Amino acid sequence: MPPPDASTDAGTESAPESATESSAADRADAQDTLDLRLPDELIALFGTGEPGEQGAAGHPGDADEAGETRTGEGEGAGVRTADRAPAPAVRSAADDLLDNVADWGPATTSAGVFQLVPVCVERDLSLISRWMNDPAVAAFWELAGPDAVTEAHLRGQLDGDGRSVPCLGVLDGTPMSYWEIYRADLDGLARHYPARPHDTGLHLLIGGVADRGRGLGTSLLRAVADLVLDHRAASARVVAEPDLRNTPSVSAFLSAGFRFSAEVDLPDKRAALMVRDRALRAVL
């Protein structure tokens, strides 16, 4: 996925590094390469299909600066109510693989009050499809075309088992970004890095040209990573895989408290594996 708005104006303050902090970071890095245990959920899903079949389809690039980015116009997005799409009847709260994203609530950021609102196809398709047809977005997501193309991508997640939840990012009442919150350990990505149980992945695109290149993606990435860690007690890490060539995107993740873990070869790109660790969240 194309990372968010990696603008150069989004600076990071480097926190003083103590011996204890260095040790914690070293341990986290070491675990990246040592923990290869398959998660229980993945084992349980072997009978129903390959992990990642339903996930965030296509693992789009991450939001780059233009495309956190990947953006379409944000015009016409208008103020929308935060009503949620009804969950499939077969899925109960107890079965929710992502701990009820719809109930995570708002986060206060430097840009305003931000909230993830699960996508309702009937309400949101036109807006998201318009974003996907922006050339800066299409270069990473590859979902340009008629509304049916975007609809198939959304329904593939909404009709699945809940391992990926597509959301609108609503800032001060206005939809301005598209997110996919997904179980990285149950996704195809898990074949390409030493996944840990409950790793949570992010895909992001920013919908409006005016919202790119000013550090907004960094602020929202940090806010959403914090929402994940606050509401998913079992998740020790938030991960992302922006295209390695997408320097602005990688920069945005670094500024948002993620660390560069490794280069990984995915089917559609060479990616930078970015990780935000719960243990290091107060430091980075």
Protein backbone atom coordinates (compact mmCIF):
# COMPACT_ATOMS: atom_id res chain seq x y z
CA MET A 1 0.00 0.00 0.00
CA PRO A 2 1.23 3.44 -0.67
CA PRO A 3 1.95 5.15 2.58
CA PRO A 4 0.63 8.36 3.60
CA ASP A 5 1.57 11.80 3.16
CA ALA A 6 5.23 11.70 3.73
CA SER A 7 5.79 15.35 3.65
CA THR A 8 9.13 16.82 4.40
CA ASP A 9 7.59 19.28 6.77
CA ALA A 10 6.59 16.50 9.12
CA GLY A 11 9.59 16.50 11.37
CA THR A 12 10.41 13.95 13.97
CA GLU A 13 11.87 14.79 17.29
CA SER A 14 14.47 12.30 18.19
CA ALA A 15 14.08 11.16 21.75
CA PRO A 16 17.21 10.70 23.82
CA GLU A 17 18.33 7.14 23.58
CA SER A 18 19.18 5.47 26.82
CA ALA A 19 20.90 2.13 27.25
CA THR A 20 17.58 0.65 28.35
CA GLU A 21 15.79 1.98 25.29
CA SER A 22 18.52 0.74 22.99
CA SER A 23 18.30 -2.67 24.58
CA ALA A 24 14.53 -2.76 24.09
CA ALA A 25 14.89 -1.79 20.46
CA ASP A 26 17.59 -4.39 19.90
CA ARG A 27 15.36 -7.05 21.40
CA ALA A 28 12.49 -5.98 19.15
CA ASP A 29 14.74 -6.13 16.10
CA ALA A 30 16.05 -9.53 17.07
CA GLN A 31 12.54 -10.85 17.53
CA ASP A 32 11.67 -9.73 14.00
CA THR A 33 13.90 -12.48 12.71
CA LEU A 34 13.46 -15.13 15.39
CA ASP A 35 9.71 -15.42 16.02
CA LEU A 36 8.38 -17.68 13.30
CA ARG A 37 5.50 -19.37 15.16
CA LEU A 38 2.29 -19.63 13.16
CA PRO A 39 -0.61 -17.83 14.87
CA ASP A 40 -3.46 -19.99 16.13
CA GLU A 41 -5.93 -18.12 13.91
CA LEU A 42 -3.86 -18.90 10.82
CA ILE A 43 -3.80 -22.60 11.68
CA ALA A 44 -7.56 -22.52 12.25
CA LEU A 45 -8.12 -20.88 8.87
CA PHE A 46 -6.21 -23.50 6.88
CA GLY A 47 -9.44 -25.36 6.41
CA THR A 48 -11.20 -22.34 4.89
CA GLY A 49 -8.66 -20.95 2.48
CA GLU A 50 -5.23 -19.43 2.06
CA PRO A 51 -4.36 -16.63 4.44
CA GLY A 52 -4.49 -13.34 2.64
CA GLU A 53 -6.96 -14.55 0.00
CA GLN A 54 -9.52 -12.14 1.31
CA GLY A 55 -7.26 -9.63 3.09
CA ALA A 56 -6.50 -6.24 1.69
CA ALA A 57 -6.71 -7.18 -1.92
CA GLY A 58 -3.70 -6.44 -3.99
CA HIS A 59 -1.69 -4.93 -1.16
CA PRO A 60 -1.78 -1.54 -2.80
CA GLY A 61 1.20 0.66 -2.45
CA ASP A 62 1.20 2.85 0.53
CA ALA A 63 0.10 6.34 0.53
CA ASP A 64 2.82 8.40 -0.90
CA GLU A 65 2.93 12.08 -0.59
CA ALA A 66 0.65 12.49 -3.51
CA GLY A 67 -1.07 9.64 -2.72
CA GLU A 68 -1.61 9.13 0.88
CA THR A 69 -2.01 10.21 -0.63
CA ARG A 70 -3.17 8.45 -3.28
CA THR A 71 -5.60 10.77 -3.59
CA GLY A 72 -8.43 11.80 -5.42
CA GLU A 73 -10.17 14.94 -5.01
CA GLY A 74 -11.50 15.47 -1.65
CA GLU A 75 -13.82 17.96 -3.04
CA GLY A 76 -17.38 17.08 -2.87
CA ALA A 77 -16.64 14.81 0.01
CA GLY A 78 -18.94 16.98 2.03
CA VAL A 79 -19.82 16.33 5.62
CA ARG A 80 -21.05 12.84 6.16
CA THR A 81 -22.63 11.24 9.14
CA ALA A 82 -20.65 8.55 10.88
CA ASP A 83 -23.32 5.92 10.47
CA ARG A 84 -21.84 2.49 10.05
CA ALA A 85 -22.41 -0.14 7.48
CA PRO A 86 -24.33 -3.02 8.99
CA ALA A 87 -22.07 -5.97 9.78
CA PRO A 88 -22.81 -9.24 7.99
CA ALA A 89 -25.26 -11.28 10.00
CA VAL A 90 -22.87 -14.23 10.16
CA ARG A 91 -20.24 -12.22 12.01
CA SER A 92 -20.65 -11.62 15.73
CA ALA A 93 -18.63 -9.31 17.97
CA ALA A 94 -16.94 -12.35 19.50
CA ASP A 95 -15.70 -13.39 16.05
CA ASP A 96 -14.40 -9.99 15.06
CA LEU A 97 -10.76 -10.49 14.15
CA LEU A 98 -9.98 -6.78 14.59
CA ASP A 99 -11.76 -6.01 17.86
CA ASN A 100 -14.64 -3.98 16.47
CA VAL A 101 -13.02 -1.14 14.54
CA ALA A 102 -16.42 0.57 14.37
CA ASP A 103 -16.33 1.07 18.14
CA TRP A 104 -12.83 2.53 18.43
CA GLY A 105 -14.14 6.07 18.59
CA PRO A 106 -12.45 9.38 17.70
CA ALA A 107 -8.87 10.51 18.19
CA THR A 108 -7.77 14.09 18.73
CA THR A 109 -4.93 15.11 16.40
CA SER A 110 -3.11 18.35 15.65
CA ALA A 111 -5.28 18.61 12.53
CA GLY A 112 -8.60 18.04 14.28
CA VAL A 113 -10.83 15.21 15.49
CA PHE A 114 -10.31 12.09 13.42
CA GLN A 115 -12.35 8.89 13.28
CA LEU A 116 -12.34 5.65 11.31
CA VAL A 117 -15.80 4.86 9.95
CA PRO A 118 -16.26 1.42 8.36
CA VAL A 119 -17.25 1.69 4.71
CA CYS A 120 -20.85 1.34 3.61
CA VAL A 121 -20.74 0.58 -0.12
CA GLU A 122 -24.10 2.18 -0.87
CA ARG A 123 -23.06 5.39 0.86
CA ASP A 124 -19.34 5.63 0.06
CA LEU A 125 -18.66 3.91 -3.26
CA SER A 126 -18.85 6.98 -5.48
CA LEU A 127 -16.39 8.95 -3.35
CA ILE A 128 -13.86 6.13 -2.97
CA SER A 129 -14.07 5.24 -6.66
CA ARG A 130 -13.38 8.86 -7.56
CA TRP A 131 -10.26 8.79 -5.40
CA MET A 132 -9.13 5.52 -6.97
CA ASN A 133 -9.34 7.12 -10.41
CA ASP A 134 -6.93 9.89 -9.53
CA PRO A 135 -3.72 9.08 -11.47
CA ALA A 136 -1.56 9.54 -8.35
CA VAL A 137 -3.66 6.97 -6.52
CA ALA A 138 -4.15 4.58 -9.42
CA ALA A 139 -0.39 4.20 -9.82
CA PHE A 140 -0.27 2.40 -6.48
CA TRP A 141 -3.72 0.92 -5.92
CA GLU A 142 -4.44 -0.13 -9.52
CA LEU A 143 -8.19 0.23 -9.02
CA ALA A 144 -8.95 2.85 -11.67
CA GLY A 145 -12.00 2.26 -13.83
CA PRO A 146 -15.77 2.15 -13.33
CA ASP A 147 -17.30 2.03 -9.86
CA ALA A 148 -17.66 -1.75 -10.19
CA VAL A 149 -13.86 -2.15 -9.92
CA THR A 150 -13.71 -0.39 -6.55
CA GLU A 151 -16.92 -2.08 -5.41
CA ALA A 152 -15.44 -5.53 -5.99
CA HIS A 153 -12.37 -4.55 -3.94
CA LEU A 154 -14.54 -3.30 -1.06
CA ARG A 155 -16.97 -6.21 -1.07
CA GLY A 156 -14.10 -8.68 -1.10
CA GLN A 157 -13.32 -7.39 2.39
CA LEU A 158 -16.84 -6.66 3.66
CA ASP A 159 -18.12 -10.11 2.65
CA GLY A 160 -15.06 -11.91 4.04
CA ASP A 161 -14.24 -13.18 7.49
CA GLY A 162 -13.32 -9.82 9.00
CA ARG A 163 -9.55 -9.97 8.64
CA SER A 164 -9.62 -6.67 6.70
CA VAL A 165 -11.91 -3.70 7.40
CA PRO A 166 -12.15 -0.87 4.84
CA CYS A 167 -12.81 2.53 6.44
CA LEU A 168 -13.28 6.16 5.61
CA GLY A 169 -11.05 8.50 7.55
CA VAL A 170 -13.26 11.37 8.72
CA LEU A 171 -11.53 14.55 9.89
CA ASP A 172 -13.71 17.13 11.66
CA GLY A 173 -16.80 15.60 10.03
CA THR A 174 -15.41 15.42 6.48
CA PRO A 175 -14.36 12.15 4.78
CA MET A 176 -10.83 12.80 3.48
CA SER A 177 -8.99 9.47 3.41
CA TYR A 178 -9.44 5.74 2.84
CA TRP A 179 -7.95 3.12 5.17
CA GLU A 180 -7.71 -0.64 5.36
CA ILE A 181 -7.10 -2.06 8.82
CA TYR A 182 -6.13 -5.69 8.46
CA ARG A 183 -4.71 -8.71 10.26
CA ALA A 184 -1.21 -8.86 8.79
CA ASP A 185 -0.59 -12.24 10.42
CA LEU A 186 -3.56 -13.72 8.52
CA ASP A 187 -2.75 -11.96 5.25
CA GLY A 188 -0.55 -12.94 2.31
CA LEU A 189 2.02 -10.49 3.70
CA ALA A 190 2.73 -12.99 6.48
CA ARG A 191 4.49 -15.21 3.93
CA HIS A 192 7.12 -12.54 3.43
CA TYR A 193 8.17 -11.56 6.96
CA PRO A 194 8.34 -13.18 10.41
CA ALA A 195 4.78 -12.36 11.42
CA ARG A 196 3.65 -12.50 15.02
CA PRO A 197 0.14 -13.32 16.24
CA HIS A 198 -2.23 -10.33 15.96
CA ASP A 199 0.13 -8.11 13.93
CA THR A 200 -2.13 -5.34 12.59
CA GLY A 201 -1.52 -3.82 9.15
CA LEU A 202 -2.43 -0.44 7.66
CA HIS A 203 -3.13 0.71 4.10
CA LEU A 204 -3.91 4.38 3.49
CA LEU A 205 -4.68 6.92 0.81
CA ILE A 206 -5.40 10.62 1.26
CA GLY A 207 -8.29 11.80 -0.88
CA GLY A 208 -7.69 15.53 -1.39
CA VAL A 209 -4.84 17.29 -3.14
CA ALA A 210 -4.92 20.05 -0.54
CA ASP A 211 -4.30 17.49 2.21
CA ARG A 212 -1.05 16.19 0.71
CA GLY A 213 2.49 17.29 1.33
CA ARG A 214 1.92 19.08 4.62
CA GLY A 215 2.52 16.37 7.18
CA LEU A 216 -1.13 15.40 7.60
CA GLY A 217 -0.43 11.77 6.73
CA THR A 218 2.15 11.55 9.51
CA SER A 219 -0.33 12.89 12.09
CA LEU A 220 -3.05 10.50 10.99
CA LEU A 221 -0.71 7.51 10.82
CA ARG A 222 0.37 8.08 14.40
CA ALA A 223 -3.26 8.54 15.50
CA VAL A 224 -4.45 5.34 13.81
CA ALA A 225 -1.49 3.31 15.08
CA ASP A 226 -2.35 4.55 18.58
CA LEU A 227 -5.99 3.55 18.07
CA VAL A 228 -4.86 0.05 17.12
CA LEU A 229 -2.62 -0.29 20.17
CA ASP A 230 -5.25 1.20 22.48
CA HIS A 231 -8.06 -1.08 21.31
CA ARG A 232 -6.25 -4.27 20.31
CA ALA A 233 -4.60 -5.48 23.50
CA ALA A 234 -3.36 -8.65 21.79
CA SER A 235 -1.54 -6.70 19.08
CA ALA A 236 2.04 -5.84 19.99
CA ARG A 237 2.87 -4.27 16.64
CA VAL A 238 1.38 -2.21 13.81
CA VAL A 239 2.99 -2.89 10.43
CA ALA A 240 2.94 -1.44 6.92
CA GLU A 241 4.73 -2.15 3.63
CA PRO A 242 5.15 0.97 1.51
CA ASP A 243 6.99 0.72 -1.79
CA LEU A 244 10.68 1.09 -1.04
CA ARG A 245 10.99 3.70 -3.80
CA ASN A 246 8.31 5.82 -2.20
CA THR A 247 10.63 7.94 -0.10
CA PRO A 248 7.95 10.41 1.07
CA SER A 249 5.80 7.54 2.31
CA VAL A 250 8.62 5.83 4.17
CA SER A 251 9.53 9.18 5.69
CA ALA A 252 5.96 9.69 6.90
CA PHE A 253 5.97 6.33 8.67
CA LEU A 254 9.29 7.10 10.32
CA SER A 255 7.96 10.46 11.49
CA ALA A 256 4.87 8.72 12.87
CA GLY A 257 6.88 6.48 15.20
CA PHE A 258 7.41 3.47 12.93
CA ARG A 259 10.86 1.96 12.49
CA PHE A 260 12.32 0.47 9.34
CA SER A 261 12.56 -3.28 9.92
CA ALA A 262 13.54 -4.84 6.59
CA GLU A 263 13.22 -4.86 2.82
CA VAL A 264 10.73 -7.47 1.61
CA ASP A 265 9.97 -8.73 -1.88
CA LEU A 266 6.22 -8.80 -2.43
CA PRO A 267 4.52 -10.01 -5.63
CA ASP A 268 3.93 -6.45 -6.85
CA LYS A 269 6.81 -4.47 -5.34
CA ARG A 270 9.91 -4.35 -3.19
CA ALA A 271 8.65 -2.92 0.07
CA ALA A 272 9.96 -1.32 3.21
CA LEU A 273 8.57 -3.21 6.18
CA MET A 274 7.67 -0.52 8.71
CA VAL A 275 6.86 -1.47 12.30
CA ARG A 276 5.46 0.46 15.24
CA ASP A 277 6.08 -1.50 18.45
CA ARG A 278 3.89 -1.19 21.51
CA ALA A 279 7.04 -1.47 23.67
CA LEU A 280 8.65 1.51 21.91
CA ARG A 281 5.58 3.67 21.48
CA ALA A 282 6.56 6.15 24.19
CA VAL A 283 10.05 6.49 22.75
CA LEU A 284 9.39 6.92 19.02
